[in-house]
Amino acid sequence: MFGCPFTLNELLFCFITVNAWMMRGLSATDSFNIETTTPRPRKACNESRLQWEVEVCGEDFKRDMGHIEPQYWCNLTHFISEYHLFTLCTETKSHMVHCYWPNPLVESYIIRIHKHFFSNCTMEQVVWVDPPDDTLTILILIPVFLTLAMIALVVWCSKRSDILA
């Protein structure tokens, strides 16, 4: 007819073969192992060793904080690197003894460190007061009016679309 070298049957066979070949390559089950694997046995957390290791981290932190004047202990910019090293140390030591981090033992030690170094850093309690009545009225009325305006706009647009349709 148009000088086509393939017959309809050959084209259909070629199409089915290429389609099956492409679908096989896109199959997720071909590229992933879907067999269930047993989890690796996890070693038990050695809490007594963790306690000792965390104490070592704490002693290093205490030594580093000794180089900082106590008047600057409440200013994070003066000891942020030391505190970062302390938390990194506790995290590393926890993983080293096969414990997750943070855990109650590490948290209680960090709280003890905070009580020792930062107990005097609390600010005066902030007393919350209501804004003036004019400001409060405006803050309440703006969302109410915006809601009413949106409702009116939706109703107006829905009536308008009925007229145009």
C-alpha atoms as a PDB file:
ATOM      1  CA  MET A   1       0.000   0.000   0.000  1.00  0.00           C
ATOM      2  CA  PHE A   2       2.456   2.742   1.163  1.00  0.00           C
ATOM      3  CA  GLY A   3       5.576   0.653   0.758  1.00  0.00           C
ATOM      4  CA  CYS A   4       5.633  -0.347   4.443  1.00  0.00           C
ATOM      5  CA  PRO A   5       8.171  -3.169   5.016  1.00  0.00           C
ATOM      6  CA  PHE A   6       6.242  -4.580   8.033  1.00  0.00           C
ATOM      7  CA  THR A   7       2.895  -6.301   8.083  1.00  0.00           C
ATOM      8  CA  LEU A   8       0.250  -5.511  10.643  1.00  0.00           C
ATOM      9  CA  ASN A   9       0.969  -8.754  12.525  1.00  0.00           C
ATOM     10  CA  GLU A  10       4.687  -7.966  12.740  1.00  0.00           C
ATOM     11  CA  LEU A  11       3.986  -4.458  14.068  1.00  0.00           C
ATOM     12  CA  LEU A  12       1.536  -5.824  16.656  1.00  0.00           C
ATOM     13  CA  PHE A  13       4.062  -8.445  17.786  1.00  0.00           C
ATOM     14  CA  CYS A  14       6.826  -5.807  17.975  1.00  0.00           C
ATOM     15  CA  PHE A  15       4.558  -3.447  19.953  1.00  0.00           C
ATOM     16  CA  ILE A  16       3.597  -6.152  22.462  1.00  0.00           C
ATOM     17  CA  THR A  17       7.232  -7.245  22.885  1.00  0.00           C
ATOM     18  CA  VAL A  18       8.547  -3.709  23.419  1.00  0.00           C
ATOM     19  CA  ASN A  19       5.671  -2.884  25.764  1.00  0.00           C
ATOM     20  CA  ALA A  20       6.281  -6.002  27.872  1.00  0.00           C
ATOM     21  CA  TRP A  21      10.006  -5.291  27.919  1.00  0.00           C
ATOM     22  CA  MET A  22       9.478  -1.698  29.069  1.00  0.00           C
ATOM     23  CA  MET A  23       6.906  -2.632  31.691  1.00  0.00           C
ATOM     24  CA  ARG A  24       9.237  -5.278  33.075  1.00  0.00           C
ATOM     25  CA  GLY A  25      11.956  -2.640  33.475  1.00  0.00           C
ATOM     26  CA  LEU A  26       9.575  -0.300  35.299  1.00  0.00           C
ATOM     27  CA  SER A  27       8.310  -2.909  37.729  1.00  0.00           C
ATOM     28  CA  ALA A  28       9.157  -2.111  41.328  1.00  0.00           C
ATOM     29  CA  THR A  29       9.191  -5.779  42.335  1.00  0.00           C
ATOM     30  CA  ASP A  30      12.007  -6.526  39.880  1.00  0.00           C
ATOM     31  CA  SER A  31      14.355  -3.961  41.354  1.00  0.00           C
ATOM     32  CA  PHE A  32      13.633  -4.370  45.062  1.00  0.00           C
ATOM     33  CA  ASN A  33      13.911  -7.382  47.295  1.00  0.00           C
ATOM     34  CA  ILE A  34      10.501  -7.743  48.907  1.00  0.00           C
ATOM     35  CA  GLU A  35      11.402 -10.630  51.177  1.00  0.00           C
ATOM     36  CA  THR A  36      11.092  -9.819  54.838  1.00  0.00           C
ATOM     37  CA  THR A  37      14.408  -9.549  56.568  1.00  0.00           C
ATOM     38  CA  THR A  38      14.970 -10.225  60.200  1.00  0.00           C
ATOM     39  CA  PRO A  39      16.311  -7.205  62.058  1.00  0.00           C
ATOM     40  CA  ARG A  40      19.842  -7.337  63.323  1.00  0.00           C
ATOM     41  CA  PRO A  41      19.997  -8.262  66.963  1.00  0.00           C
ATOM     42  CA  ARG A  42      20.680  -5.057  68.857  1.00  0.00           C
ATOM     43  CA  LYS A  43      23.041  -5.141  71.782  1.00  0.00           C
ATOM     44  CA  ALA A  44      21.563  -4.178  75.117  1.00  0.00           C
ATOM     45  CA  CYS A  45      22.145  -0.688  76.448  1.00  0.00           C
ATOM     46  CA  ASN A  46      24.965  -0.687  78.973  1.00  0.00           C
ATOM     47  CA  GLU A  47      23.562   1.926  81.373  1.00  0.00           C
ATOM     48  CA  SER A  48      26.311   1.659  83.979  1.00  0.00           C
ATOM     49  CA  ARG A  49      28.967   2.363  81.351  1.00  0.00           C
ATOM     50  CA  LEU A  50      26.789   5.121  79.891  1.00  0.00           C
ATOM     51  CA  GLN A  51      26.605   6.758  83.322  1.00  0.00           C
ATOM     52  CA  TRP A  52      30.399   6.761  83.524  1.00  0.00           C
ATOM     53  CA  GLU A  53      30.832   8.034  79.946  1.00  0.00           C
ATOM     54  CA  VAL A  54      28.324  10.861  80.484  1.00  0.00           C
ATOM     55  CA  GLU A  55      30.188  11.839  83.654  1.00  0.00           C
ATOM     56  CA  VAL A  56      33.356  12.146  81.549  1.00  0.00           C
ATOM     57  CA  CYS A  57      31.497  14.441  79.134  1.00  0.00           C
ATOM     58  CA  GLY A  58      30.247  16.463  82.093  1.00  0.00           C
ATOM     59  CA  GLU A  59      33.721  16.825  83.571  1.00  0.00           C
ATOM     60  CA  ASP A  60      35.010  18.103  80.223  1.00  0.00           C
ATOM     61  CA  PHE A  61      32.132  20.584  80.087  1.00  0.00           C
ATOM     62  CA  LYS A  62      32.793  21.734  83.665  1.00  0.00           C
ATOM     63  CA  ARG A  63      36.467  22.242  82.814  1.00  0.00           C
ATOM     64  CA  ASP A  64      35.544  24.253  79.698  1.00  0.00           C
ATOM     65  CA  MET A  65      33.025  26.342  81.635  1.00  0.00           C
ATOM     66  CA  GLY A  66      35.741  27.049  84.222  1.00  0.00           C
ATOM     67  CA  HIS A  67      37.477  29.158  81.585  1.00  0.00           C
ATOM     68  CA  ILE A  68      34.398  31.364  81.235  1.00  0.00           C
ATOM     69  CA  GLU A  69      33.616  34.030  83.813  1.00  0.00           C
ATOM     70  CA  PRO A  70      30.470  33.095  85.815  1.00  0.00           C
ATOM     71  CA  GLN A  71      28.899  36.446  84.941  1.00  0.00           C
ATOM     72  CA  TYR A  72      28.761  35.253  81.291  1.00  0.00           C
ATOM     73  CA  TRP A  73      27.195  31.841  82.024  1.00  0.00           C
ATOM     74  CA  CYS A  74      23.735  33.178  81.213  1.00  0.00           C
ATOM     75  CA  ASN A  75      24.802  34.500  77.830  1.00  0.00           C
ATOM     76  CA  LEU A  76      24.655  31.625  75.341  1.00  0.00           C
ATOM     77  CA  THR A  77      27.029  33.315  72.903  1.00  0.00           C
ATOM     78  CA  HIS A  78      29.875  32.883  75.404  1.00  0.00           C
ATOM     79  CA  PHE A  79      29.565  29.107  75.822  1.00  0.00           C
ATOM     80  CA  ILE A  80      27.622  27.804  72.800  1.00  0.00           C
ATOM     81  CA  SER A  81      30.586  25.853  71.406  1.00  0.00           C
ATOM     82  CA  GLU A  82      31.311  24.227  74.776  1.00  0.00           C
ATOM     83  CA  TYR A  83      27.648  23.272  75.168  1.00  0.00           C
ATOM     84  CA  HIS A  84      27.548  21.897  71.628  1.00  0.00           C
ATOM     85  CA  LEU A  85      30.611  19.748  72.343  1.00  0.00           C
ATOM     86  CA  PHE A  86      28.975  18.520  75.558  1.00  0.00           C
ATOM     87  CA  THR A  87      25.752  17.435  73.850  1.00  0.00           C
ATOM     88  CA  LEU A  88      27.701  15.905  70.961  1.00  0.00           C
ATOM     89  CA  CYS A  89      29.807  13.988  73.470  1.00  0.00           C
ATOM     90  CA  THR A  90      26.745  12.612  75.273  1.00  0.00           C
ATOM     91  CA  GLU A  91      25.198  11.582  71.964  1.00  0.00           C
ATOM     92  CA  THR A  92      28.369   9.872  70.761  1.00  0.00           C
ATOM     93  CA  LYS A  93      28.914   8.062  74.055  1.00  0.00           C
ATOM     94  CA  SER A  94      25.277   6.907  74.098  1.00  0.00           C
ATOM     95  CA  HIS A  95      25.600   5.336  70.672  1.00  0.00           C
ATOM     96  CA  MET A  96      28.972   3.857  71.602  1.00  0.00           C
ATOM     97  CA  VAL A  97      27.424   1.840  74.457  1.00  0.00           C
ATOM     98  CA  HIS A  98      24.394   0.899  72.291  1.00  0.00           C
ATOM     99  CA  CYS A  99      21.897   3.252  73.931  1.00  0.00           C
ATOM    100  CA  TYR A 100      19.532   5.566  72.143  1.00  0.00           C
ATOM    101  CA  TRP A 101      19.892   9.305  72.616  1.00  0.00           C
ATOM    102  CA  PRO A 102      18.411  11.176  74.328  1.00  0.00           C
ATOM    103  CA  ASN A 103      17.454   8.755  77.038  1.00  0.00           C
ATOM    104  CA  PRO A 104      16.302   9.315  80.623  1.00  0.00           C
ATOM    105  CA  LEU A 105      19.768   8.773  82.083  1.00  0.00           C
ATOM    106  CA  VAL A 106      21.398  11.362  79.810  1.00  0.00           C
ATOM    107  CA  GLU A 107      18.485  13.763  80.233  1.00  0.00           C
ATOM    108  CA  SER A 108      18.734  13.631  84.024  1.00  0.00           C
ATOM    109  CA  TYR A 109      22.469  14.322  83.828  1.00  0.00           C
ATOM    110  CA  ILE A 110      21.911  17.269  81.469  1.00  0.00           C
ATOM    111  CA  ILE A 111      19.317  18.634  83.900  1.00  0.00           C
ATOM    112  CA  ARG A 112      21.867  18.373  86.725  1.00  0.00           C
ATOM    113  CA  ILE A 113      24.380  20.303  84.592  1.00  0.00           C
ATOM    114  CA  HIS A 114      21.728  22.954  83.880  1.00  0.00           C
ATOM    115  CA  LYS A 115      20.903  23.291  87.573  1.00  0.00           C
ATOM    116  CA  HIS A 116      24.587  23.671  88.404  1.00  0.00           C
ATOM    117  CA  PHE A 117      25.496  26.262  85.776  1.00  0.00           C
ATOM    118  CA  PHE A 118      22.282  27.950  84.715  1.00  0.00           C
ATOM    119  CA  SER A 119      19.999  28.017  87.751  1.00  0.00           C
ATOM    120  CA  ASN A 120      20.528  31.758  88.238  1.00  0.00           C
ATOM    121  CA  CYS A 121      19.733  32.598  84.620  1.00  0.00           C
ATOM    122  CA  THR A 122      15.981  32.753  84.977  1.00  0.00           C
ATOM    123  CA  MET A 123      14.470  36.034  83.946  1.00  0.00           C
ATOM    124  CA  GLU A 124      11.830  37.832  85.898  1.00  0.00           C
ATOM    125  CA  GLN A 125       8.437  36.394  85.208  1.00  0.00           C
ATOM    126  CA  VAL A 126       6.701  38.189  82.388  1.00  0.00           C
ATOM    127  CA  VAL A 127       3.321  39.593  83.354  1.00  0.00           C
ATOM    128  CA  TRP A 128       0.925  39.387  80.448  1.00  0.00           C
ATOM    129  CA  VAL A 129      -1.513  42.247  80.146  1.00  0.00           C
ATOM    130  CA  ASP A 130      -4.433  42.710  77.801  1.00  0.00           C
ATOM    131  CA  PRO A 131      -3.998  45.244  75.032  1.00  0.00           C
ATOM    132  CA  PRO A 132      -5.962  48.492  75.253  1.00  0.00           C
ATOM    133  CA  ASP A 133      -9.667  48.203  74.448  1.00  0.00           C
ATOM    134  CA  ASP A 134      -9.325  50.087  71.149  1.00  0.00           C
ATOM    135  CA  THR A 135      -6.630  47.686  69.910  1.00  0.00           C
ATOM    136  CA  LEU A 136      -8.562  44.655  71.111  1.00  0.00           C
ATOM    137  CA  THR A 137     -11.721  45.837  69.339  1.00  0.00           C
ATOM    138  CA  ILE A 138      -9.847  46.313  66.071  1.00  0.00           C
ATOM    139  CA  LEU A 139      -8.169  42.911  66.367  1.00  0.00           C
ATOM    140  CA  ILE A 140     -11.577  41.277  66.828  1.00  0.00           C
ATOM    141  CA  LEU A 141     -13.515  43.228  64.187  1.00  0.00           C
ATOM    142  CA  ILE A 142     -11.036  42.884  61.297  1.00  0.00           C
ATOM    143  CA  PRO A 143     -11.417  39.074  60.959  1.00  0.00           C
ATOM    144  CA  VAL A 144     -15.194  39.354  61.433  1.00  0.00           C
ATOM    145  CA  PHE A 145     -15.523  41.911  58.618  1.00  0.00           C
ATOM    146  CA  LEU A 146     -13.170  39.975  56.356  1.00  0.00           C
ATOM    147  CA  THR A 147     -15.254  36.839  56.873  1.00  0.00           C
ATOM    148  CA  LEU A 148     -18.474  38.700  56.059  1.00  0.00           C
ATOM    149  CA  ALA A 149     -16.848  40.258  52.973  1.00  0.00           C
ATOM    150  CA  MET A 150     -15.717  36.837  51.724  1.00  0.00           C
ATOM    151  CA  ILE A 151     -19.212  35.394  52.217  1.00  0.00           C
ATOM    152  CA  ALA A 152     -20.755  38.333  50.329  1.00  0.00           C
ATOM    153  CA  LEU A 153     -18.214  37.925  47.521  1.00  0.00           C
ATOM    154  CA  VAL A 154     -18.937  34.204  47.152  1.00  0.00           C
ATOM    155  CA  VAL A 155     -22.713  34.801  47.097  1.00  0.00           C
ATOM    156  CA  TRP A 156     -22.359  37.642  44.574  1.00  0.00           C
ATOM    157  CA  CYS A 157     -20.103  35.550  42.296  1.00  0.00           C
ATOM    158  CA  SER A 158     -22.441  32.556  42.433  1.00  0.00           C
ATOM    159  CA  LYS A 159     -25.449  34.731  41.438  1.00  0.00           C
ATOM    160  CA  ARG A 160     -23.380  36.368  38.719  1.00  0.00           C
ATOM    161  CA  SER A 161     -22.373  32.996  37.225  1.00  0.00           C
ATOM    162  CA  ASP A 162     -26.070  32.002  37.083  1.00  0.00           C
ATOM    163  CA  ILE A 163     -26.811  35.142  35.069  1.00  0.00           C
ATOM    164  CA  LEU A 164     -23.896  34.584  32.689  1.00  0.00           C
ATOM    165  CA  ALA A 165     -24.645  30.890  32.118  1.00  0.00           C
END
